[in-house]
PDB file of N, CA and C in Angstrom:
ATOM      1  N   MET A   1      13.562  23.584  18.643  1.00  0.00           N
ATOM      2  CA  MET A   1      12.776  22.205  17.907  1.00  0.00           C
ATOM      3  C   MET A   1      14.610  20.892  18.983  1.00  0.00           C
ATOM      4  N   ASN A   2      14.445  19.891  18.936  1.00  0.00           N
ATOM      5  CA  ASN A   2      15.588  19.097  18.558  1.00  0.00           C
ATOM      6  C   ASN A   2      15.837  18.613  17.439  1.00  0.00           C
ATOM      7  N   ARG A   3      17.311  17.974  16.525  1.00  0.00           N
ATOM      8  CA  ARG A   3      17.580  17.730  15.724  1.00  0.00           C
ATOM      9  C   ARG A   3      16.592  17.445  14.615  1.00  0.00           C
ATOM     10  N   ALA A   4      16.072  16.033  15.128  1.00  0.00           N
ATOM     11  CA  ALA A   4      15.183  15.329  14.376  1.00  0.00           C
ATOM     12  C   ALA A   4      14.249  16.472  13.773  1.00  0.00           C
ATOM     13  N   GLN A   5      13.459  17.186  14.259  1.00  0.00           N
ATOM     14  CA  GLN A   5      12.582  18.220  14.062  1.00  0.00           C
ATOM     15  C   GLN A   5      12.903  19.295  13.507  1.00  0.00           C
ATOM     16  N   LYS A   6      14.523  19.662  13.236  1.00  0.00           N
ATOM     17  CA  LYS A   6      14.921  19.955  12.158  1.00  0.00           C
ATOM     18  C   LYS A   6      15.081  19.745  10.985  1.00  0.00           C
ATOM     19  N   LEU A   7      15.713  18.553  11.130  1.00  0.00           N
ATOM     20  CA  LEU A   7      15.676  17.807   9.739  1.00  0.00           C
ATOM     21  C   LEU A   7      14.227  17.804   8.875  1.00  0.00           C
ATOM     22  N   ARG A   8      13.420  17.473   9.570  1.00  0.00           N
ATOM     23  CA  ARG A   8      11.950  16.660   8.887  1.00  0.00           C
ATOM     24  C   ARG A   8      11.559  18.395   8.914  1.00  0.00           C
ATOM     25  N   TRP A   9      12.096  19.297   9.195  1.00  0.00           N
ATOM     26  CA  TRP A   9      11.396  20.504   8.602  1.00  0.00           C
ATOM     27  C   TRP A   9      11.973  21.320   7.376  1.00  0.00           C
ATOM     28  N   TYR A  10      13.501  20.631   7.516  1.00  0.00           N
ATOM     29  CA  TYR A  10      14.368  20.849   6.179  1.00  0.00           C
ATOM     30  C   TYR A  10      14.011  20.113   4.964  1.00  0.00           C
ATOM     31  N   ALA A  11      13.666  18.901   5.403  1.00  0.00           N
ATOM     32  CA  ALA A  11      13.657  17.770   4.789  1.00  0.00           C
ATOM     33  C   ALA A  11      11.748  18.189   3.479  1.00  0.00           C
ATOM     34  N   ASP A  12      11.435  18.551   4.766  1.00  0.00           N
ATOM     35  CA  ASP A  12       9.281  18.987   4.100  1.00  0.00           C
ATOM     36  C   ASP A  12       9.857  20.541   3.177  1.00  0.00           C
ATOM     37  N   GLN A  13      10.517  21.072   3.879  1.00  0.00           N
ATOM     38  CA  GLN A  13      11.321  22.770   2.790  1.00  0.00           C
ATOM     39  C   GLN A  13      11.724  22.703   1.569  1.00  0.00           C
ATOM     40  N   LEU A  14      12.847  21.321   1.397  1.00  0.00           N
ATOM     41  CA  LEU A  14      13.558  20.811   0.330  1.00  0.00           C
ATOM     42  C   LEU A  14      12.329  20.549  -0.629  1.00  0.00           C
ATOM     43  N   ILE A  15      10.923  20.065  -0.555  1.00  0.00           N
ATOM     44  CA  ILE A  15      10.132  19.023  -1.304  1.00  0.00           C
ATOM     45  C   ILE A  15       9.684  20.118  -1.690  1.00  0.00           C
ATOM     46  N   THR A  16       8.761  21.261  -0.242  1.00  0.00           N
ATOM     47  CA  THR A  16       8.231  22.343  -1.029  1.00  0.00           C
ATOM     48  C   THR A  16       8.869  23.235  -2.037  1.00  0.00           C
ATOM     49  N   ASP A  17      10.157  23.334  -1.939  1.00  0.00           N
ATOM     50  CA  ASP A  17      11.177  24.104  -3.124  1.00  0.00           C
ATOM     51  C   ASP A  17      11.417  23.349  -4.364  1.00  0.00           C
ATOM     52  N   ALA A  18      11.411  22.010  -4.195  1.00  0.00           N
ATOM     53  CA  ALA A  18      11.406  21.079  -5.218  1.00  0.00           C
ATOM     54  C   ALA A  18      10.288  21.090  -5.978  1.00  0.00           C
ATOM     55  N   ALA A  19       8.931  20.889  -5.977  1.00  0.00           N
ATOM     56  CA  ALA A  19       7.882  21.233  -6.196  1.00  0.00           C
ATOM     57  C   ALA A  19       7.491  22.505  -6.596  1.00  0.00           C
ATOM     58  N   THR A  20       7.829  23.318  -6.517  1.00  0.00           N
ATOM     59  CA  THR A  20       7.582  25.140  -7.109  1.00  0.00           C
ATOM     60  C   THR A  20       8.809  24.896  -8.275  1.00  0.00           C
ATOM     61  N   ARG A  21      10.419  24.626  -8.241  1.00  0.00           N
ATOM     62  CA  ARG A  21      10.999  24.847  -8.971  1.00  0.00           C
ATOM     63  C   ARG A  21      10.513  23.894 -10.281  1.00  0.00           C
ATOM     64  N   GLU A  22       9.940  22.482  -9.976  1.00  0.00           N
ATOM     65  CA  GLU A  22       8.983  21.444 -10.973  1.00  0.00           C
ATOM     66  C   GLU A  22       8.370  22.568 -11.882  1.00  0.00           C
ATOM     67  N   GLN A  23       7.325  22.880 -10.812  1.00  0.00           N
ATOM     68  CA  GLN A  23       6.101  24.075 -11.607  1.00  0.00           C
ATOM     69  C   GLN A  23       6.746  25.350 -12.518  1.00  0.00           C
ATOM     70  N   GLY A  24       7.557  26.019 -11.574  1.00  0.00           N
ATOM     71  CA  GLY A  24       8.622  26.193 -12.988  1.00  0.00           C
ATOM     72  C   GLY A  24       9.284  26.659 -13.894  1.00  0.00           C
ATOM     73  N   GLY A  25       9.537  24.561 -14.067  1.00  0.00           N
ATOM     74  CA  GLY A  25      10.299  24.408 -15.431  1.00  0.00           C
ATOM     75  C   GLY A  25      11.812  24.286 -15.064  1.00  0.00           C
ATOM     76  N   ASN A  26      12.366  24.221 -13.842  1.00  0.00           N
ATOM     77  CA  ASN A  26      13.423  23.977 -14.015  1.00  0.00           C
ATOM     78  C   ASN A  26      13.819  22.833 -13.423  1.00  0.00           C
ATOM     79  N   LYS A  27      13.418  22.172 -13.706  1.00  0.00           N
ATOM     80  CA  LYS A  27      13.668  20.357 -13.578  1.00  0.00           C
ATOM     81  C   LYS A  27      15.191  19.783 -13.151  1.00  0.00           C
ATOM     82  N   GLU A  28      16.364  20.487 -13.479  1.00  0.00           N
ATOM     83  CA  GLU A  28      17.622  20.130 -12.711  1.00  0.00           C
ATOM     84  C   GLU A  28      17.333  20.238 -11.439  1.00  0.00           C
ATOM     85  N   SER A  29      17.048  21.817 -11.131  1.00  0.00           N
ATOM     86  CA  SER A  29      17.230  22.149  -9.407  1.00  0.00           C
ATOM     87  C   SER A  29      16.103  21.682  -8.681  1.00  0.00           C
ATOM     88  N   ALA A  30      15.046  21.094  -9.239  1.00  0.00           N
ATOM     89  CA  ALA A  30      14.082  20.113  -8.566  1.00  0.00           C
ATOM     90  C   ALA A  30      14.623  18.627  -8.302  1.00  0.00           C
ATOM     91  N   ILE A  31      14.984  18.311  -9.223  1.00  0.00           N
ATOM     92  CA  ILE A  31      15.834  16.693  -9.164  1.00  0.00           C
ATOM     93  C   ILE A  31      16.790  16.774  -7.685  1.00  0.00           C
ATOM     94  N   ALA A  32      17.818  18.203  -7.836  1.00  0.00           N
ATOM     95  CA  ALA A  32      18.541  18.455  -6.402  1.00  0.00           C
ATOM     96  C   ALA A  32      18.202  17.991  -5.343  1.00  0.00           C
ATOM     97  N   LYS A  33      16.836  19.005  -5.103  1.00  0.00           N
ATOM     98  CA  LYS A  33      15.783  19.131  -3.890  1.00  0.00           C
ATOM     99  C   LYS A  33      15.518  18.329  -3.501  1.00  0.00           C
ATOM    100  N   TYR A  34      14.764  17.101  -4.685  1.00  0.00           N
ATOM    101  CA  TYR A  34      14.036  16.071  -4.336  1.00  0.00           C
ATOM    102  C   TYR A  34      14.998  14.849  -3.508  1.00  0.00           C
ATOM    103  N   LEU A  35      16.443  14.306  -4.282  1.00  0.00           N
ATOM    104  CA  LEU A  35      17.122  13.953  -3.784  1.00  0.00           C
ATOM    105  C   LEU A  35      17.710  13.905  -2.543  1.00  0.00           C
ATOM    106  N   GLN A  36      18.200  15.265  -2.177  1.00  0.00           N
ATOM    107  CA  GLN A  36      18.423  16.299  -0.988  1.00  0.00           C
ATOM    108  C   GLN A  36      17.400  15.620   0.208  1.00  0.00           C
ATOM    109  N   ALA A  37      16.452  16.161  -0.156  1.00  0.00           N
ATOM    110  CA  ALA A  37      15.185  15.612   1.233  1.00  0.00           C
ATOM    111  C   ALA A  37      14.694  14.029   1.252  1.00  0.00           C
ATOM    112  N   ALA A  38      15.318  13.537  -0.023  1.00  0.00           N
ATOM    113  CA  ALA A  38      15.228  11.888   0.100  1.00  0.00           C
ATOM    114  C   ALA A  38      16.746  11.784   1.479  1.00  0.00           C
ATOM    115  N   ASP A  39      17.740  11.959   0.957  1.00  0.00           N
ATOM    116  CA  ASP A  39      18.766  11.888   1.884  1.00  0.00           C
ATOM    117  C   ASP A  39      18.759  11.943   2.791  1.00  0.00           C
ATOM    118  N   LEU A  40      17.790  12.952   3.291  1.00  0.00           N
ATOM    119  CA  LEU A  40      17.569  13.250   4.856  1.00  0.00           C
ATOM    120  C   LEU A  40      16.525  12.803   5.363  1.00  0.00           C
ATOM    121  N   LEU A  41      15.409  12.042   4.646  1.00  0.00           N
ATOM    122  CA  LEU A  41      14.669  11.269   5.194  1.00  0.00           C
ATOM    123  C   LEU A  41      14.874   9.942   5.506  1.00  0.00           C
ATOM    124  N   LEU A  42      15.971   9.685   4.276  1.00  0.00           N
ATOM    125  CA  LEU A  42      16.651   8.048   4.836  1.00  0.00           C
ATOM    126  C   LEU A  42      17.744   8.111   6.441  1.00  0.00           C
ATOM    127  N   LEU A  43      18.320   9.128   6.436  1.00  0.00           N
ATOM    128  CA  LEU A  43      19.399   9.974   7.634  1.00  0.00           C
ATOM    129  C   LEU A  43      17.819   9.412   8.866  1.00  0.00           C
ATOM    130  N   LEU A  44      16.571   9.804   8.818  1.00  0.00           N
ATOM    131  CA  LEU A  44      15.499  10.067   9.795  1.00  0.00           C
ATOM    132  C   LEU A  44      14.966   9.071   9.937  1.00  0.00           C
ATOM    133  N   ALA A  45      14.913   8.217   8.721  1.00  0.00           N
ATOM    134  CA  ALA A  45      14.169   6.967   9.476  1.00  0.00           C
ATOM    135  C   ALA A  45      15.472   5.464  10.061  1.00  0.00           C
ATOM    136  N   LYS A  46      17.002   5.782   9.492  1.00  0.00           N
ATOM    137  CA  LYS A  46      17.561   4.787   9.862  1.00  0.00           C
ATOM    138  C   LYS A  46      17.438   5.421  11.504  1.00  0.00           C
ATOM    139  N   ALA A  47      17.684   6.513  12.154  1.00  0.00           N
ATOM    140  CA  ALA A  47      17.282   6.775  13.119  1.00  0.00           C
ATOM    141  C   ALA A  47      16.186   6.611  13.817  1.00  0.00           C
ATOM    142  N   GLU A  48      15.521   5.939  13.608  1.00  0.00           N
ATOM    143  CA  GLU A  48      13.795   5.618  13.946  1.00  0.00           C
ATOM    144  C   GLU A  48      13.680   4.351  14.607  1.00  0.00           C
ATOM    145  N   GLU A  49      13.092   4.456  15.698  1.00  0.00           N
ATOM    146  CA  GLU A  49      13.037   3.115  16.239  1.00  0.00           C
ATOM    147  C   GLU A  49      11.468   2.272  15.622  1.00  0.00           C
ATOM    148  N   ASN A  50      10.963   3.174  16.095  1.00  0.00           N
ATOM    149  CA  ASN A  50       8.964   3.108  16.047  1.00  0.00           C
ATOM    150  C   ASN A  50       9.261   2.543  14.269  1.00  0.00           C
ATOM    151  N   TYR A  51       8.435   1.573  14.170  1.00  0.00           N
ATOM    152  CA  TYR A  51       8.539   1.185  12.608  1.00  0.00           C
ATOM    153  C   TYR A  51       7.327   2.240  11.946  1.00  0.00           C
ATOM    154  N   THR A  52       6.177   2.773  12.946  1.00  0.00           N
ATOM    155  CA  THR A  52       5.319   3.997  12.521  1.00  0.00           C
ATOM    156  C   THR A  52       6.284   4.918  11.647  1.00  0.00           C
ATOM    157  N   SER A  53       7.216   5.185  12.341  1.00  0.00           N
ATOM    158  CA  SER A  53       7.195   6.944  12.176  1.00  0.00           C
ATOM    159  C   SER A  53       8.779   6.412  11.119  1.00  0.00           C
ATOM    160  N   TRP A  54       9.683   5.057  11.445  1.00  0.00           N
ATOM    161  CA  TRP A  54      10.262   4.618  10.168  1.00  0.00           C
ATOM    162  C   TRP A  54      10.091   4.485   8.775  1.00  0.00           C
ATOM    163  N   LYS A  55       8.587   4.029   8.621  1.00  0.00           N
ATOM    164  CA  LYS A  55       8.068   3.557   7.228  1.00  0.00           C
ATOM    165  C   LYS A  55       7.818   4.771   7.151  1.00  0.00           C
ATOM    166  N   TYR A  56       6.982   5.748   7.305  1.00  0.00           N
ATOM    167  CA  TYR A  56       6.384   7.357   7.196  1.00  0.00           C
ATOM    168  C   TYR A  56       7.985   7.962   6.630  1.00  0.00           C
ATOM    169  N   TYR A  57       8.717   7.425   6.980  1.00  0.00           N
ATOM    170  CA  TYR A  57       9.964   8.543   6.290  1.00  0.00           C
ATOM    171  C   TYR A  57      10.546   7.409   5.173  1.00  0.00           C
ATOM    172  N   ALA A  58      11.431   6.896   5.271  1.00  0.00           N
ATOM    173  CA  ALA A  58      11.186   5.505   4.194  1.00  0.00           C
ATOM    174  C   ALA A  58       9.690   6.008   3.521  1.00  0.00           C
ATOM    175  N   ASP A  59       9.071   6.102   3.531  1.00  0.00           N
ATOM    176  CA  ASP A  59       7.643   6.278   2.281  1.00  0.00           C
ATOM    177  C   ASP A  59       8.022   7.275   1.980  1.00  0.00           C
ATOM    178  N   LYS A  60       8.517   8.414   2.886  1.00  0.00           N
ATOM    179  CA  LYS A  60       7.842   9.576   1.831  1.00  0.00           C
ATOM    180  C   LYS A  60       9.642  10.220   0.967  1.00  0.00           C
ATOM    181  N   ALA A  61      10.584   9.050   1.711  1.00  0.00           N
ATOM    182  CA  ALA A  61      11.670   9.218   0.963  1.00  0.00           C
ATOM    183  C   ALA A  61      11.783   8.567  -0.402  1.00  0.00           C
ATOM    184  N   ALA A  62      10.766   7.158  -0.800  1.00  0.00           N
ATOM    185  CA  ALA A  62      10.883   6.857  -1.781  1.00  0.00           C
ATOM    186  C   ALA A  62       9.732   7.502  -3.108  1.00  0.00           C
ATOM    187  N   PHE A  63       9.107   8.381  -2.081  1.00  0.00           N
ATOM    188  CA  PHE A  63       8.643   9.156  -2.629  1.00  0.00           C
ATOM    189  C   PHE A  63       9.216   9.952  -3.973  1.00  0.00           C
ATOM    190  N   CYS A  64      10.007  10.845  -2.906  1.00  0.00           N
ATOM    191  CA  CYS A  64      10.898  11.665  -3.670  1.00  0.00           C
ATOM    192  C   CYS A  64      11.720  10.807  -4.581  1.00  0.00           C
ATOM    193  N   GLN A  65      12.195   9.988  -4.363  1.00  0.00           N
ATOM    194  CA  GLN A  65      13.244   9.324  -5.110  1.00  0.00           C
ATOM    195  C   GLN A  65      12.576   8.771  -6.734  1.00  0.00           C
ATOM    196  N   GLN A  66      11.288   9.304  -6.435  1.00  0.00           N
ATOM    197  CA  GLN A  66      10.371   8.062  -7.318  1.00  0.00           C
ATOM    198  C   GLN A  66      10.313  10.075  -8.295  1.00  0.00           C
ATOM    199  N   LYS A  67       9.643  10.918  -7.662  1.00  0.00           N
ATOM    200  CA  LYS A  67       9.566  12.268  -8.290  1.00  0.00           C
ATOM    201  C   LYS A  67      10.831  12.556  -9.384  1.00  0.00           C
ATOM    202  N   ALA A  68      12.250  12.490  -8.797  1.00  0.00           N
ATOM    203  CA  ALA A  68      13.490  13.039  -8.972  1.00  0.00           C
ATOM    204  C   ALA A  68      13.842  11.569 -10.695  1.00  0.00           C
ATOM    205  N   ARG A  69      13.585  11.019 -10.897  1.00  0.00           N
ATOM    206  CA  ARG A  69      13.368   9.876 -11.472  1.00  0.00           C
ATOM    207  C   ARG A  69      12.455  10.086 -12.581  1.00  0.00           C
ATOM    208  N   LEU A  70      11.669  10.276 -12.780  1.00  0.00           N
ATOM    209  CA  LEU A  70      10.527  11.314 -13.486  1.00  0.00           C
ATOM    210  C   LEU A  70      11.064  12.181 -13.978  1.00  0.00           C
ATOM    211  N   LEU A  71      11.896  12.840 -13.350  1.00  0.00           N
ATOM    212  CA  LEU A  71      12.107  14.569 -13.852  1.00  0.00           C
ATOM    213  C   LEU A  71      13.334  13.960 -14.552  1.00  0.00           C
ATOM    214  N   ILE A  72      14.294  13.076 -13.920  1.00  0.00           N
ATOM    215  CA  ILE A  72      15.624  12.769 -15.007  1.00  0.00           C
ATOM    216  C   ILE A  72      15.146  12.051 -16.484  1.00  0.00           C
ATOM    217  N   ALA A  73      13.667  11.946 -16.181  1.00  0.00           N
ATOM    218  CA  ALA A  73      13.425  10.808 -17.322  1.00  0.00           C
ATOM    219  C   ALA A  73      13.004  12.133 -18.539  1.00  0.00           C
ATOM    220  N   GLN A  74      12.379  13.326 -18.131  1.00  0.00           N
ATOM    221  CA  GLN A  74      11.721  14.092 -18.629  1.00  0.00           C
ATOM    222  C   GLN A  74      13.219  14.995 -19.415  1.00  0.00           C
ATOM    223  N   VAL A  75      13.792  15.003 -18.886  1.00  0.00           N
ATOM    224  CA  VAL A  75      15.369  16.005 -18.727  1.00  0.00           C
ATOM    225  C   VAL A  75      15.721  15.993 -20.435  1.00  0.00           C
ATOM    226  N   PRO A  76      15.315  16.977 -21.169  1.00  0.00           N
ATOM    227  CA  PRO A  76      16.254  16.512 -22.515  1.00  0.00           C
ATOM    228  C   PRO A  76      17.439  16.115 -22.330  1.00  0.00           C
ATOM    229  N   ARG A  77      17.914  15.641 -23.345  1.00  0.00           N
ATOM    230  CA  ARG A  77      19.931  15.136 -23.238  1.00  0.00           C
ATOM    231  C   ARG A  77      20.443  15.802 -24.400  1.00  0.00           C
ATOM    232  N   ALA A  78      21.663  16.090 -24.021  1.00  0.00           N
ATOM    233  CA  ALA A  78      22.922  16.759 -25.172  1.00  0.00           C
ATOM    234  C   ALA A  78      23.600  16.197 -25.930  1.00  0.00           C
TER     235      ALA A  78
END
């Protein structure tokens, strides 16, 4: 596996882990995982020269950011 493939795999793992934690009720941890995945996906998009691949990474990063925003809105404030 090259570096980009490893980062893509890790981003997918973070998204899966975030979804699992979200379903388990651990919203704070899920938010962190979604934001980490978004950061990795944006790094992959930045390095991409092909528009189709760039769009895929950018859209997936936007999805992760949106999920994090929704979870932040649901977390009760102390």
